[in-house]
Structures are given as C-alpha cells and as structure tokens.
C-alpha atoms as a PDB file:
ATOM      1  CA  UNK A   1     157.208  33.887 144.035  1.00  0.00           C
ATOM      2  CA  UNK A   2     157.534  38.119 143.649  1.00  0.00           C
ATOM      3  CA  UNK A   3     157.197  40.006 140.830  1.00  0.00           C
ATOM      4  CA  UNK A   4     161.000  40.392 141.180  1.00  0.00           C
ATOM      5  CA  UNK A   5     162.162  36.913 141.565  1.00  0.00           C
ATOM      6  CA  UNK A   6     159.622  35.536 138.578  1.00  0.00           C
ATOM      7  CA  UNK A   7     160.821  37.855 136.146  1.00  0.00           C
ATOM      8  CA  UNK A   8     164.773  37.023 137.200  1.00  0.00           C
ATOM      9  CA  UNK A   9     163.026  33.404 136.766  1.00  0.00           C
ATOM     10  CA  UNK A  10     161.855  33.717 133.094  1.00  0.00           C
ATOM     11  CA  UNK A  11     164.834  35.450 132.490  1.00  0.00           C
ATOM     12  CA  UNK A  12     166.529  32.662 133.541  1.00  0.00           C
ATOM     13  CA  UNK A  13     164.091  30.516 130.788  1.00  0.00           C
ATOM     14  CA  UNK A  14     165.029  32.166 128.312  1.00  0.00           C
ATOM     15  CA  UNK A  15     168.354  31.923 128.220  1.00  0.00           C
ATOM     16  CA  UNK A  16     170.511  29.519 126.067  1.00  0.00           C
ATOM     17  CA  UNK A  17     173.432  28.503 128.826  1.00  0.00           C
ATOM     18  CA  UNK A  18     173.237  25.363 130.001  1.00  0.00           C
ATOM     19  CA  UNK A  19     174.983  26.372 133.618  1.00  0.00           C
ATOM     20  CA  UNK A  20     173.584  28.561 135.779  1.00  0.00           C
ATOM     21  CA  UNK A  21     176.011  29.886 139.004  1.00  0.00           C
ATOM     22  CA  UNK A  22     175.317  30.379 142.635  1.00  0.00           C
ATOM     23  CA  UNK A  23     174.414  34.416 141.422  1.00  0.00           C
ATOM     24  CA  UNK A  24     172.145  33.016 138.470  1.00  0.00           C
ATOM     25  CA  UNK A  25     169.840  31.312 140.221  1.00  0.00           C
ATOM     26  CA  UNK A  26     169.975  33.227 144.697  1.00  0.00           C
ATOM     27  CA  UNK A  27     167.598  36.392 143.784  1.00  0.00           C
ATOM     28  CA  UNK A  28     164.482  33.452 142.653  1.00  0.00           C
ATOM     29  CA  UNK A  29     165.473  31.590 146.130  1.00  0.00           C
ATOM     30  CA  UNK A  30     165.394  34.782 147.483  1.00  0.00           C
ATOM     31  CA  UNK A  31     169.004  34.198 149.491  1.00  0.00           C
ATOM     32  CA  UNK A  32     172.642  34.730 149.807  1.00  0.00           C
ATOM     33  CA  UNK A  33     174.595  33.653 147.124  1.00  0.00           C
ATOM     34  CA  UNK A  34     177.154  32.238 149.997  1.00  0.00           C
ATOM     35  CA  UNK A  35     173.559  29.865 150.919  1.00  0.00           C
ATOM     36  CA  UNK A  36     173.354  28.098 148.517  1.00  0.00           C
ATOM     37  CA  UNK A  37     177.124  27.765 147.573  1.00  0.00           C
ATOM     38  CA  UNK A  38     178.024  25.577 150.981  1.00  0.00           C
ATOM     39  CA  UNK A  39     174.756  24.440 151.107  1.00  0.00           C
ATOM     40  CA  UNK A  40     176.075  22.892 147.626  1.00  0.00           C
ATOM     41  CA  UNK A  41     179.090  21.785 149.701  1.00  0.00           C
ATOM     42  CA  UNK A  42     177.978  20.072 152.460  1.00  0.00           C
ATOM     43  CA  UNK A  43     174.065  18.865 151.978  1.00  0.00           C
ATOM     44  CA  UNK A  44     173.871  19.237 148.199  1.00  0.00           C
ATOM     45  CA  UNK A  45     170.842  16.688 148.080  1.00  0.00           C
ATOM     46  CA  UNK A  46     168.695  19.313 150.772  1.00  0.00           C
ATOM     47  CA  UNK A  47     168.816  21.617 147.837  1.00  0.00           C
ATOM     48  CA  UNK A  48     165.794  19.931 145.705  1.00  0.00           C
ATOM     49  CA  UNK A  49     167.876  20.414 142.098  1.00  0.00           C
ATOM     50  CA  UNK A  50     171.904  19.141 140.783  1.00  0.00           C
ATOM     51  CA  UNK A  51     173.873  20.584 141.065  1.00  0.00           C
ATOM     52  CA  UNK A  52     178.558  20.699 140.156  1.00  0.00           C
ATOM     53  CA  UNK A  53     180.865  21.200 142.027  1.00  0.00           C
ATOM     54  CA  UNK A  54     184.528  21.885 140.666  1.00  0.00           C
ATOM     55  CA  UNK A  55     186.288  23.110 143.306  1.00  0.00           C
ATOM     56  CA  UNK A  56     185.262  26.280 144.950  1.00  0.00           C
ATOM     57  CA  UNK A  57     183.157  26.924 142.103  1.00  0.00           C
ATOM     58  CA  UNK A  58     179.456  25.278 142.095  1.00  0.00           C
ATOM     59  CA  UNK A  59     177.018  24.642 138.570  1.00  0.00           C
ATOM     60  CA  UNK A  60     174.326  24.763 138.724  1.00  0.00           C
ATOM     61  CA  UNK A  61     172.413  22.804 135.758  1.00  0.00           C
ATOM     62  CA  UNK A  62     169.613  24.869 134.139  1.00  0.00           C
ATOM     63  CA  UNK A  63     167.074  22.942 132.932  1.00  0.00           C
ATOM     64  CA  UNK A  64     166.697  21.039 136.477  1.00  0.00           C
ATOM     65  CA  UNK A  65     166.929  24.083 138.081  1.00  0.00           C
ATOM     66  CA  UNK A  66     163.945  25.130 136.023  1.00  0.00           C
ATOM     67  CA  UNK A  67     162.200  22.270 136.429  1.00  0.00           C
ATOM     68  CA  UNK A  68     162.576  22.329 140.342  1.00  0.00           C
ATOM     69  CA  UNK A  69     161.023  25.555 140.114  1.00  0.00           C
ATOM     70  CA  UNK A  70     158.253  24.765 138.810  1.00  0.00           C
ATOM     71  CA  UNK A  71     157.030  21.989 139.897  1.00  0.00           C
ATOM     72  CA  UNK A  72     156.873  24.595 143.528  1.00  0.00           C
ATOM     73  CA  UNK A  73     153.358  25.570 144.095  1.00  0.00           C
ATOM     74  CA  UNK A  74     154.476  29.093 144.801  1.00  0.00           C
ATOM     75  CA  UNK A  75     156.217  29.265 141.742  1.00  0.00           C
ATOM     76  CA  UNK A  76     153.207  27.752 139.382  1.00  0.00           C
ATOM     77  CA  UNK A  77     150.446  29.701 141.114  1.00  0.00           C
ATOM     78  CA  UNK A  78     152.504  32.773 140.320  1.00  0.00           C
ATOM     79  CA  UNK A  79     153.309  32.130 136.467  1.00  0.00           C
ATOM     80  CA  UNK A  80     149.562  30.791 135.844  1.00  0.00           C
ATOM     81  CA  UNK A  81     147.831  34.101 137.483  1.00  0.00           C
ATOM     82  CA  UNK A  82     150.360  36.054 134.916  1.00  0.00           C
ATOM     83  CA  UNK A  83     149.710  34.092 132.118  1.00  0.00           C
ATOM     84  CA  UNK A  84     146.238  35.468 132.514  1.00  0.00           C
ATOM     85  CA  UNK A  85     146.915  39.348 132.210  1.00  0.00           C
END
C-alpha cells in the first residue's frame, strides 16, 4: 500500500459512519470510482467486500471493507512497518 493509500485507509478507519461511498474507497483501491461502481452492479462478489445497491447508488459497509483490506498481505505489511516507526 502506498503512503497516500495508507493515509486514506487510516482516515476511513477513524470514521464513525457505517456506510462508505465508492468515492471513499476508490483512493485506497487505487482505481476509478466508476470502476468500483460498475463492478458492484455487474459482479459484486468479485470485489471481496459486501456492497449495498440502491438504484444507481452503491454503499459499502465500513467495517467489512476495513476487514477486507487488513487481511491483504500488502496492507498488513505496510501497517506493521508504520507501527514500528
């Protein structure tokens, strides 16, 4: 995870809101929000985290998204390196 991804991820972790938008998570995933939105509509199971779809809107439960990101090897390694400093 790059430094900017990690900063955004830590910001998301500190929030109290239950649901995230694709604009919230796209910087962490390093992709276009429309790509996440399209995947959520077409094949949500391929994202790796749950999504809720309301018409054209896509919401992502914050805690499952955090759990998904923390279980990725690259995410965990970066977090461990930053905790040491």
